[in-house]
PDB file of N, CA and C in Angstrom:
ATOM      1  N   UNK A   1      -9.639 -11.760   6.342  1.00  0.00           N
ATOM      2  CA  UNK A   1     -10.056 -10.442   6.784  1.00  0.00           C
ATOM      3  C   UNK A   1      -9.134  -9.405   6.144  1.00  0.00           C
ATOM      4  N   UNK A   2      -9.721  -8.320   5.724  1.00  0.00           N
ATOM      5  CA  UNK A   2      -8.938  -7.222   5.157  1.00  0.00           C
ATOM      6  C   UNK A   2      -8.868  -6.104   6.186  1.00  0.00           C
ATOM      7  N   UNK A   3      -7.652  -5.717   6.510  1.00  0.00           N
ATOM      8  CA  UNK A   3      -7.437  -4.626   7.457  1.00  0.00           C
ATOM      9  C   UNK A   3      -7.323  -3.323   6.671  1.00  0.00           C
ATOM     10  N   UNK A   4      -8.090  -2.349   7.070  1.00  0.00           N
ATOM     11  CA  UNK A   4      -8.120  -1.048   6.430  1.00  0.00           C
ATOM     12  C   UNK A   4      -7.273  -0.095   7.273  1.00  0.00           C
ATOM     13  N   UNK A   5      -6.246   0.489   6.671  1.00  0.00           N
ATOM     14  CA  UNK A   5      -5.316   1.358   7.407  1.00  0.00           C
ATOM     15  C   UNK A   5      -5.535   2.846   7.154  1.00  0.00           C
ATOM     16  N   UNK A   6      -6.678   3.216   6.579  1.00  0.00           N
ATOM     17  CA  UNK A   6      -6.895   4.620   6.233  1.00  0.00           C
ATOM     18  C   UNK A   6      -6.846   5.534   7.458  1.00  0.00           C
ATOM     19  N   UNK A   7      -7.482   5.157   8.541  1.00  0.00           N
ATOM     20  CA  UNK A   7      -7.486   6.036   9.722  1.00  0.00           C
ATOM     21  C   UNK A   7      -6.069   6.227  10.265  1.00  0.00           C
ATOM     22  N   UNK A   8      -5.271   5.175  10.259  1.00  0.00           N
ATOM     23  CA  UNK A   8      -3.881   5.278  10.735  1.00  0.00           C
ATOM     24  C   UNK A   8      -3.072   6.205   9.829  1.00  0.00           C
ATOM     25  N   UNK A   9      -3.215   6.028   8.515  1.00  0.00           N
ATOM     26  CA  UNK A   9      -2.461   6.844   7.562  1.00  0.00           C
ATOM     27  C   UNK A   9      -2.841   8.314   7.683  1.00  0.00           C
ATOM     28  N   UNK A  10      -4.136   8.602   7.759  1.00  0.00           N
ATOM     29  CA  UNK A  10      -4.562   9.997   7.908  1.00  0.00           C
ATOM     30  C   UNK A  10      -4.066  10.579   9.229  1.00  0.00           C
ATOM     31  N   UNK A  11      -4.107   9.784  10.295  1.00  0.00           N
ATOM     32  CA  UNK A  11      -3.616  10.251  11.587  1.00  0.00           C
ATOM     33  C   UNK A  11      -2.133  10.584  11.552  1.00  0.00           C
ATOM     34  N   UNK A  12      -1.349   9.734  10.910  1.00  0.00           N
ATOM     35  CA  UNK A  12       0.093   9.975  10.804  1.00  0.00           C
ATOM     36  C   UNK A  12       0.387  11.258  10.021  1.00  0.00           C
ATOM     37  N   UNK A  13      -0.439  11.556   9.045  1.00  0.00           N
ATOM     38  CA  UNK A  13      -0.243  12.751   8.219  1.00  0.00           C
ATOM     39  C   UNK A  13      -0.972  13.970   8.766  1.00  0.00           C
ATOM     40  N   UNK A  14      -1.761  13.744   9.814  1.00  0.00           N
ATOM     41  CA  UNK A  14      -2.557  14.816  10.423  1.00  0.00           C
ATOM     42  C   UNK A  14      -3.515  15.437   9.403  1.00  0.00           C
ATOM     43  N   UNK A  15      -4.119  14.552   8.596  1.00  0.00           N
ATOM     44  CA  UNK A  15      -5.126  14.959   7.633  1.00  0.00           C
ATOM     45  C   UNK A  15      -6.485  14.616   8.191  1.00  0.00           C
ATOM     46  N   UNK A  16      -7.472  15.420   7.849  1.00  0.00           N
ATOM     47  CA  UNK A  16      -8.845  15.101   8.213  1.00  0.00           C
ATOM     48  C   UNK A  16      -9.492  14.309   7.076  1.00  0.00           C
ATOM     49  N   UNK A  17     -10.621  13.704   7.401  1.00  0.00           N
ATOM     50  CA  UNK A  17     -11.399  13.026   6.363  1.00  0.00           C
ATOM     51  C   UNK A  17     -11.843  14.038   5.308  1.00  0.00           C
ATOM     52  N   UNK A  18     -12.217  15.221   5.761  1.00  0.00           N
ATOM     53  CA  UNK A  18     -12.671  16.270   4.841  1.00  0.00           C
ATOM     54  C   UNK A  18     -11.563  16.668   3.871  1.00  0.00           C
ATOM     55  N   UNK A  19     -10.335  16.729   4.352  1.00  0.00           N
ATOM     56  CA  UNK A  19      -9.203  17.073   3.497  1.00  0.00           C
ATOM     57  C   UNK A  19      -8.995  16.006   2.424  1.00  0.00           C
ATOM     58  N   UNK A  20      -9.083  14.736   2.811  1.00  0.00           N
ATOM     59  CA  UNK A  20      -8.931  13.659   1.840  1.00  0.00           C
ATOM     60  C   UNK A  20     -10.066  13.692   0.821  1.00  0.00           C
ATOM     61  N   UNK A  21     -11.275  13.935   1.286  1.00  0.00           N
ATOM     62  CA  UNK A  21     -12.423  14.022   0.375  1.00  0.00           C
ATOM     63  C   UNK A  21     -12.226  15.163  -0.622  1.00  0.00           C
ATOM     64  N   UNK A  22     -11.764  16.298  -0.149  1.00  0.00           N
ATOM     65  CA  UNK A  22     -11.547  17.458  -1.015  1.00  0.00           C
ATOM     66  C   UNK A  22     -10.466  17.168  -2.054  1.00  0.00           C
ATOM     67  N   UNK A  23      -9.362  16.569  -1.613  1.00  0.00           N
ATOM     68  CA  UNK A  23      -8.247  16.315  -2.529  1.00  0.00           C
ATOM     69  C   UNK A  23      -8.539  15.204  -3.540  1.00  0.00           C
ATOM     70  N   UNK A  24      -9.373  14.251  -3.164  1.00  0.00           N
ATOM     71  CA  UNK A  24      -9.674  13.140  -4.074  1.00  0.00           C
ATOM     72  C   UNK A  24     -10.926  13.363  -4.897  1.00  0.00           C
ATOM     73  N   UNK A  25     -11.830  14.218  -4.402  1.00  0.00           N
ATOM     74  CA  UNK A  25     -13.111  14.392  -5.064  1.00  0.00           C
ATOM     75  C   UNK A  25     -14.091  13.278  -4.735  1.00  0.00           C
ATOM     76  N   UNK A  26     -13.738  12.437  -3.766  1.00  0.00           N
ATOM     77  CA  UNK A  26     -14.616  11.351  -3.322  1.00  0.00           C
ATOM     78  C   UNK A  26     -15.588  11.914  -2.286  1.00  0.00           C
ATOM     79  N   UNK A  27     -16.845  11.462  -2.350  1.00  0.00           N
ATOM     80  CA  UNK A  27     -17.860  11.957  -1.414  1.00  0.00           C
ATOM     81  C   UNK A  27     -17.398  11.785   0.039  1.00  0.00           C
ATOM     82  N   UNK A  28     -17.628  12.787   0.878  1.00  0.00           N
ATOM     83  CA  UNK A  28     -17.249  12.681   2.292  1.00  0.00           C
ATOM     84  C   UNK A  28     -17.852  11.456   2.988  1.00  0.00           C
ATOM     85  N   UNK A  29     -19.078  11.087   2.636  1.00  0.00           N
ATOM     86  CA  UNK A  29     -19.688   9.900   3.256  1.00  0.00           C
ATOM     87  C   UNK A  29     -18.912   8.632   2.920  1.00  0.00           C
ATOM     88  N   UNK A  30     -18.404   8.548   1.691  1.00  0.00           N
ATOM     89  CA  UNK A  30     -17.615   7.387   1.284  1.00  0.00           C
ATOM     90  C   UNK A  30     -16.313   7.338   2.064  1.00  0.00           C
ATOM     91  N   UNK A  31     -15.652   8.477   2.197  1.00  0.00           N
ATOM     92  CA  UNK A  31     -14.406   8.549   2.983  1.00  0.00           C
ATOM     93  C   UNK A  31     -14.693   8.170   4.429  1.00  0.00           C
ATOM     94  N   UNK A  32     -15.778   8.670   4.987  1.00  0.00           N
ATOM     95  CA  UNK A  32     -16.149   8.362   6.365  1.00  0.00           C
ATOM     96  C   UNK A  32     -16.368   6.863   6.564  1.00  0.00           C
ATOM     97  N   UNK A  33     -17.074   6.240   5.634  1.00  0.00           N
ATOM     98  CA  UNK A  33     -17.310   4.792   5.736  1.00  0.00           C
ATOM     99  C   UNK A  33     -15.993   4.023   5.712  1.00  0.00           C
ATOM    100  N   UNK A  34     -15.077   4.428   4.850  1.00  0.00           N
ATOM    101  CA  UNK A  34     -13.769   3.769   4.792  1.00  0.00           C
ATOM    102  C   UNK A  34     -12.978   4.018   6.076  1.00  0.00           C
ATOM    103  N   UNK A  35     -12.951   5.257   6.499  1.00  0.00           N
ATOM    104  CA  UNK A  35     -12.203   5.653   7.697  1.00  0.00           C
ATOM    105  C   UNK A  35     -12.691   4.892   8.931  1.00  0.00           C
ATOM    106  N   UNK A  36     -13.999   4.765   9.058  1.00  0.00           N
ATOM    107  CA  UNK A  36     -14.591   4.097  10.225  1.00  0.00           C
ATOM    108  C   UNK A  36     -14.730   2.593  10.043  1.00  0.00           C
ATOM    109  N   UNK A  37     -14.195   2.087   8.946  1.00  0.00           N
ATOM    110  CA  UNK A  37     -14.141   0.654   8.670  1.00  0.00           C
ATOM    111  C   UNK A  37     -15.526   0.009   8.641  1.00  0.00           C
ATOM    112  N   UNK A  38     -16.497   0.720   8.072  1.00  0.00           N
ATOM    113  CA  UNK A  38     -17.840   0.163   7.919  1.00  0.00           C
ATOM    114  C   UNK A  38     -18.207  -0.040   6.447  1.00  0.00           C
ATOM    115  N   UNK A  39     -17.307   0.338   5.547  1.00  0.00           N
ATOM    116  CA  UNK A  39     -17.561   0.139   4.115  1.00  0.00           C
ATOM    117  C   UNK A  39     -17.486  -1.355   3.805  1.00  0.00           C
ATOM    118  N   UNK A  40     -18.387  -1.802   2.951  1.00  0.00           N
ATOM    119  CA  UNK A  40     -18.383  -3.211   2.544  1.00  0.00           C
ATOM    120  C   UNK A  40     -17.750  -3.397   1.174  1.00  0.00           C
ATOM    121  N   UNK A  41     -17.506  -2.293   0.461  1.00  0.00           N
ATOM    122  CA  UNK A  41     -16.896  -2.358  -0.863  1.00  0.00           C
ATOM    123  C   UNK A  41     -16.252  -1.015  -1.185  1.00  0.00           C
ATOM    124  N   UNK A  42     -15.306  -1.051  -2.120  1.00  0.00           N
ATOM    125  CA  UNK A  42     -14.679   0.171  -2.627  1.00  0.00           C
ATOM    126  C   UNK A  42     -14.342  -0.082  -4.095  1.00  0.00           C
ATOM    127  N   UNK A  43     -14.505   0.940  -4.908  1.00  0.00           N
ATOM    128  CA  UNK A  43     -14.207   0.778  -6.323  1.00  0.00           C
ATOM    129  C   UNK A  43     -12.701   0.912  -6.564  1.00  0.00           C
ATOM    130  N   UNK A  44     -12.247   0.293  -7.644  1.00  0.00           N
ATOM    131  CA  UNK A  44     -10.841   0.439  -8.031  1.00  0.00           C
ATOM    132  C   UNK A  44     -10.535   1.911  -8.313  1.00  0.00           C
ATOM    133  N   UNK A  45     -11.505   2.601  -8.884  1.00  0.00           N
ATOM    134  CA  UNK A  45     -11.341   4.017  -9.193  1.00  0.00           C
ATOM    135  C   UNK A  45     -11.048   4.827  -7.922  1.00  0.00           C
ATOM    136  N   UNK A  46     -11.832   4.594  -6.856  1.00  0.00           N
ATOM    137  CA  UNK A  46     -11.611   5.308  -5.599  1.00  0.00           C
ATOM    138  C   UNK A  46     -10.321   4.880  -4.930  1.00  0.00           C
ATOM    139  N   UNK A  47      -9.983   3.598  -5.011  1.00  0.00           N
ATOM    140  CA  UNK A  47      -8.699   3.132  -4.462  1.00  0.00           C
ATOM    141  C   UNK A  47      -7.543   3.855  -5.137  1.00  0.00           C
ATOM    142  N   UNK A  48      -7.619   3.948  -6.452  1.00  0.00           N
ATOM    143  CA  UNK A  48      -6.557   4.611  -7.202  1.00  0.00           C
ATOM    144  C   UNK A  48      -6.441   6.082  -6.802  1.00  0.00           C
ATOM    145  N   UNK A  49      -7.575   6.773  -6.657  1.00  0.00           N
ATOM    146  CA  UNK A  49      -7.560   8.187  -6.265  1.00  0.00           C
ATOM    147  C   UNK A  49      -6.942   8.365  -4.883  1.00  0.00           C
ATOM    148  N   UNK A  50      -7.358   7.527  -3.938  1.00  0.00           N
ATOM    149  CA  UNK A  50      -6.845   7.649  -2.569  1.00  0.00           C
ATOM    150  C   UNK A  50      -5.350   7.387  -2.535  1.00  0.00           C
ATOM    151  N   UNK A  51      -4.922   6.306  -3.170  1.00  0.00           N
ATOM    152  CA  UNK A  51      -3.496   5.973  -3.172  1.00  0.00           C
ATOM    153  C   UNK A  51      -2.672   7.048  -3.871  1.00  0.00           C
ATOM    154  N   UNK A  52      -3.202   7.608  -4.946  1.00  0.00           N
ATOM    155  CA  UNK A  52      -2.494   8.654  -5.665  1.00  0.00           C
ATOM    156  C   UNK A  52      -2.309   9.894  -4.800  1.00  0.00           C
ATOM    157  N   UNK A  53      -3.380  10.317  -4.141  1.00  0.00           N
ATOM    158  CA  UNK A  53      -3.317  11.516  -3.296  1.00  0.00           C
ATOM    159  C   UNK A  53      -2.440  11.288  -2.065  1.00  0.00           C
ATOM    160  N   UNK A  54      -2.509  10.093  -1.502  1.00  0.00           N
ATOM    161  CA  UNK A  54      -1.705   9.796  -0.311  1.00  0.00           C
ATOM    162  C   UNK A  54      -0.280   9.341  -0.652  1.00  0.00           C
ATOM    163  N   UNK A  55       0.003   9.196  -1.947  1.00  0.00           N
ATOM    164  CA  UNK A  55       1.321   8.709  -2.402  1.00  0.00           C
ATOM    165  C   UNK A  55       1.680   7.397  -1.709  1.00  0.00           C
ATOM    166  N   UNK A  56       0.747   6.458  -1.765  1.00  0.00           N
ATOM    167  CA  UNK A  56       0.978   5.162  -1.142  1.00  0.00           C
ATOM    168  C   UNK A  56       0.535   4.056  -2.086  1.00  0.00           C
ATOM    169  N   UNK A  57       0.898   2.838  -1.767  1.00  0.00           N
ATOM    170  CA  UNK A  57       0.467   1.668  -2.523  1.00  0.00           C
ATOM    171  C   UNK A  57      -0.804   1.114  -1.901  1.00  0.00           C
ATOM    172  N   UNK A  58      -1.512   0.331  -2.685  1.00  0.00           N
ATOM    173  CA  UNK A  58      -2.726  -0.309  -2.167  1.00  0.00           C
ATOM    174  C   UNK A  58      -2.401  -1.146  -0.940  1.00  0.00           C
ATOM    175  N   UNK A  59      -1.240  -1.805  -0.948  1.00  0.00           N
ATOM    176  CA  UNK A  59      -0.890  -2.661   0.197  1.00  0.00           C
ATOM    177  C   UNK A  59      -0.612  -1.843   1.461  1.00  0.00           C
ATOM    178  N   UNK A  60      -0.375  -0.538   1.338  1.00  0.00           N
ATOM    179  CA  UNK A  60      -0.253   0.322   2.515  1.00  0.00           C
ATOM    180  C   UNK A  60      -1.633   0.634   3.084  1.00  0.00           C
ATOM    181  N   UNK A  61      -2.598   0.750   2.187  1.00  0.00           N
ATOM    182  CA  UNK A  61      -3.958   1.115   2.567  1.00  0.00           C
ATOM    183  C   UNK A  61      -4.771  -0.085   3.053  1.00  0.00           C
ATOM    184  N   UNK A  62      -4.665  -1.183   2.327  1.00  0.00           N
ATOM    185  CA  UNK A  62      -5.416  -2.403   2.656  1.00  0.00           C
ATOM    186  C   UNK A  62      -4.442  -3.553   2.830  1.00  0.00           C
ATOM    187  N   UNK A  63      -4.699  -4.376   3.834  1.00  0.00           N
ATOM    188  CA  UNK A  63      -3.793  -5.477   4.142  1.00  0.00           C
ATOM    189  C   UNK A  63      -4.613  -6.727   4.427  1.00  0.00           C
ATOM    190  N   UNK A  64      -4.237  -7.827   3.787  1.00  0.00           N
ATOM    191  CA  UNK A  64      -4.923  -9.089   4.018  1.00  0.00           C
ATOM    192  C   UNK A  64      -4.354  -9.742   5.274  1.00  0.00           C
ATOM    193  N   UNK A  65      -5.220 -10.011   6.233  1.00  0.00           N
ATOM    194  CA  UNK A  65      -4.830 -10.666   7.471  1.00  0.00           C
ATOM    195  C   UNK A  65      -5.348 -12.101   7.403  1.00  0.00           C
ATOM    196  N   UNK A  66      -4.442 -13.055   7.435  1.00  0.00           N
ATOM    197  CA  UNK A  66      -4.839 -14.459   7.363  1.00  0.00           C
ATOM    198  C   UNK A  66      -5.390 -14.906   8.716  1.00  0.00           C
ATOM    199  N   UNK A  67      -6.158 -15.995   8.729  1.00  0.00           N
ATOM    200  CA  UNK A  67      -6.664 -16.507  10.011  1.00  0.00           C
ATOM    201  C   UNK A  67      -5.534 -16.788  11.012  1.00  0.00           C
ATOM    202  N   UNK A  68      -4.408 -17.286  10.529  1.00  0.00           N
ATOM    203  CA  UNK A  68      -3.275 -17.573  11.424  1.00  0.00           C
ATOM    204  C   UNK A  68      -2.749 -16.277  12.054  1.00  0.00           C
ATOM    205  N   UNK A  69      -2.603 -15.225  11.241  1.00  0.00           N
ATOM    206  CA  UNK A  69      -2.140 -13.943  11.772  1.00  0.00           C
ATOM    207  C   UNK A  69      -3.144 -13.370  12.759  1.00  0.00           C
ATOM    208  N   UNK A  70      -4.433 -13.518  12.451  1.00  0.00           N
ATOM    209  CA  UNK A  70      -5.485 -13.021  13.334  1.00  0.00           C
ATOM    210  C   UNK A  70      -5.421 -13.727  14.682  1.00  0.00           C
ATOM    211  N   UNK A  71      -5.234 -15.048  14.678  1.00  0.00           N
ATOM    212  CA  UNK A  71      -5.133 -15.813  15.928  1.00  0.00           C
ATOM    213  C   UNK A  71      -3.907 -15.402  16.726  1.00  0.00           C
ATOM    214  N   UNK A  72      -2.793 -15.155  16.048  1.00  0.00           N
ATOM    215  CA  UNK A  72      -1.577 -14.719  16.720  1.00  0.00           C
ATOM    216  C   UNK A  72      -1.792 -13.359  17.369  1.00  0.00           C
ATOM    217  N   UNK A  73      -2.430 -12.450  16.649  1.00  0.00           N
ATOM    218  CA  UNK A  73      -2.721 -11.119  17.192  1.00  0.00           C
ATOM    219  C   UNK A  73      -3.651 -11.200  18.386  1.00  0.00           C
ATOM    220  N   UNK A  74      -4.657 -12.060  18.333  1.00  0.00           N
ATOM    221  CA  UNK A  74      -5.602 -12.215  19.436  1.00  0.00           C
ATOM    222  C   UNK A  74      -4.890 -12.723  20.683  1.00  0.00           C
ATOM    223  N   UNK A  75      -3.962 -13.674  20.510  1.00  0.00           N
ATOM    224  CA  UNK A  75      -3.212 -14.213  21.658  1.00  0.00           C
ATOM    225  C   UNK A  75      -2.366 -13.131  22.288  1.00  0.00           C
ATOM    226  N   UNK A  76      -1.763 -12.246  21.449  1.00  0.00           N
ATOM    227  CA  UNK A  76      -0.930 -11.179  21.983  1.00  0.00           C
ATOM    228  C   UNK A  76      -1.766 -10.167  22.747  1.00  0.00           C
ATOM    229  N   UNK A  77      -2.974  -9.878  22.286  1.00  0.00           N
ATOM    230  CA  UNK A  77      -3.852  -8.915  22.951  1.00  0.00           C
ATOM    231  C   UNK A  77      -4.301  -9.449  24.319  1.00  0.00           C
ATOM    232  N   UNK A  78      -4.515 -10.751  24.418  1.00  0.00           N
ATOM    233  CA  UNK A  78      -4.996 -11.339  25.677  1.00  0.00           C
ATOM    234  C   UNK A  78      -3.941 -11.349  26.772  1.00  0.00           C
ATOM    235  N   UNK A  79      -2.685 -11.262  26.415  1.00  0.00           N
ATOM    236  CA  UNK A  79      -1.613 -11.336  27.424  1.00  0.00           C
ATOM    237  C   UNK A  79      -1.526 -10.128  28.269  1.00  0.00           C
TER     238      UNK A  79
END
Protein backbone atom coordinates (compact mmCIF):
# COMPACT_ATOMS: atom_id res chain seq x y z
CA UNK A 1 0.00 0.00 0.00
CA UNK A 2 1.23 3.48 -0.80
CA UNK A 3 0.44 6.15 1.76
CA UNK A 4 -0.15 9.59 0.29
CA UNK A 5 0.91 12.42 2.63
CA UNK A 6 -0.21 15.39 0.52
CA UNK A 7 -3.09 16.41 2.79
CA UNK A 8 -0.82 16.30 5.87
CA UNK A 9 1.91 18.34 4.16
CA UNK A 10 -0.52 20.99 2.92
CA UNK A 11 -2.12 21.16 6.37
CA UNK A 12 1.24 21.67 8.06
CA UNK A 13 2.04 24.50 5.65
CA UNK A 14 -1.49 25.91 5.80
CA UNK A 15 -1.75 25.75 2.02
CA UNK A 16 -4.97 25.12 0.17
CA UNK A 17 -5.37 22.73 -2.72
CA UNK A 18 -6.03 25.76 -4.92
CA UNK A 19 -2.72 27.32 -3.88
CA UNK A 20 -0.81 24.15 -4.78
CA UNK A 21 -2.64 23.93 -8.11
CA UNK A 22 -1.79 27.56 -8.89
CA UNK A 23 1.89 27.19 -7.96
CA UNK A 24 2.38 23.91 -9.84
CA UNK A 25 0.13 24.54 -12.82
CA UNK A 26 -1.50 21.15 -12.18
CA UNK A 27 -5.27 20.97 -12.74
CA UNK A 28 -7.23 21.54 -9.51
CA UNK A 29 -9.14 18.27 -10.07
CA UNK A 30 -5.85 16.36 -10.17
CA UNK A 31 -4.69 18.00 -6.93
CA UNK A 32 -8.07 17.24 -5.35
CA UNK A 33 -7.86 13.57 -6.32
CA UNK A 34 -4.38 13.32 -4.80
CA UNK A 35 -5.36 15.26 -1.68
CA UNK A 36 -8.43 13.10 -1.08
CA UNK A 37 -6.45 9.93 -1.79
CA UNK A 38 -8.71 8.78 -4.63
CA UNK A 39 -6.14 9.08 -7.44
CA UNK A 40 -5.14 5.75 -8.95
CA UNK A 41 -2.07 7.12 -10.76
CA UNK A 42 0.22 10.15 -10.93
CA UNK A 43 2.74 11.09 -13.58
CA UNK A 44 6.42 11.54 -12.81
CA UNK A 45 6.06 15.02 -14.27
CA UNK A 46 3.38 15.98 -11.71
CA UNK A 47 5.32 14.34 -8.87
CA UNK A 48 8.35 16.40 -9.79
CA UNK A 49 6.31 19.63 -9.91
CA UNK A 50 4.68 18.98 -6.54
CA UNK A 51 7.93 18.04 -4.83
CA UNK A 52 9.71 21.03 -6.34
CA UNK A 53 7.05 23.51 -5.19
CA UNK A 54 6.77 21.93 -1.74
CA UNK A 55 10.58 21.60 -1.43
CA UNK A 56 10.24 17.97 -0.42
CA UNK A 57 11.39 14.55 -1.59
CA UNK A 58 9.13 11.97 -3.15
CA UNK A 59 9.52 9.86 -0.01
CA UNK A 60 7.99 12.74 2.00
CA UNK A 61 4.98 12.79 -0.30
CA UNK A 62 4.51 9.06 -0.90
CA UNK A 63 5.43 6.26 1.47
CA UNK A 64 5.35 2.52 0.92
CA UNK A 65 3.60 0.75 3.79
CA UNK A 66 4.40 -2.96 3.95
CA UNK A 67 1.78 -5.50 5.03
CA UNK A 68 3.69 -5.98 8.30
CA UNK A 69 3.63 -2.24 9.03
CA UNK A 70 -0.06 -2.10 8.13
CA UNK A 71 -0.85 -4.94 10.56
CA UNK A 72 1.15 -3.23 13.31
CA UNK A 73 -0.71 0.03 12.73
CA UNK A 74 -4.08 -1.76 12.78
CA UNK A 75 -3.24 -3.41 16.13
CA UNK A 76 -2.30 -0.02 17.59
CA UNK A 77 -5.57 1.56 16.39
CA UNK A 78 -7.65 -1.23 17.98
CA UNK A 79 -6.15 -0.69 21.44
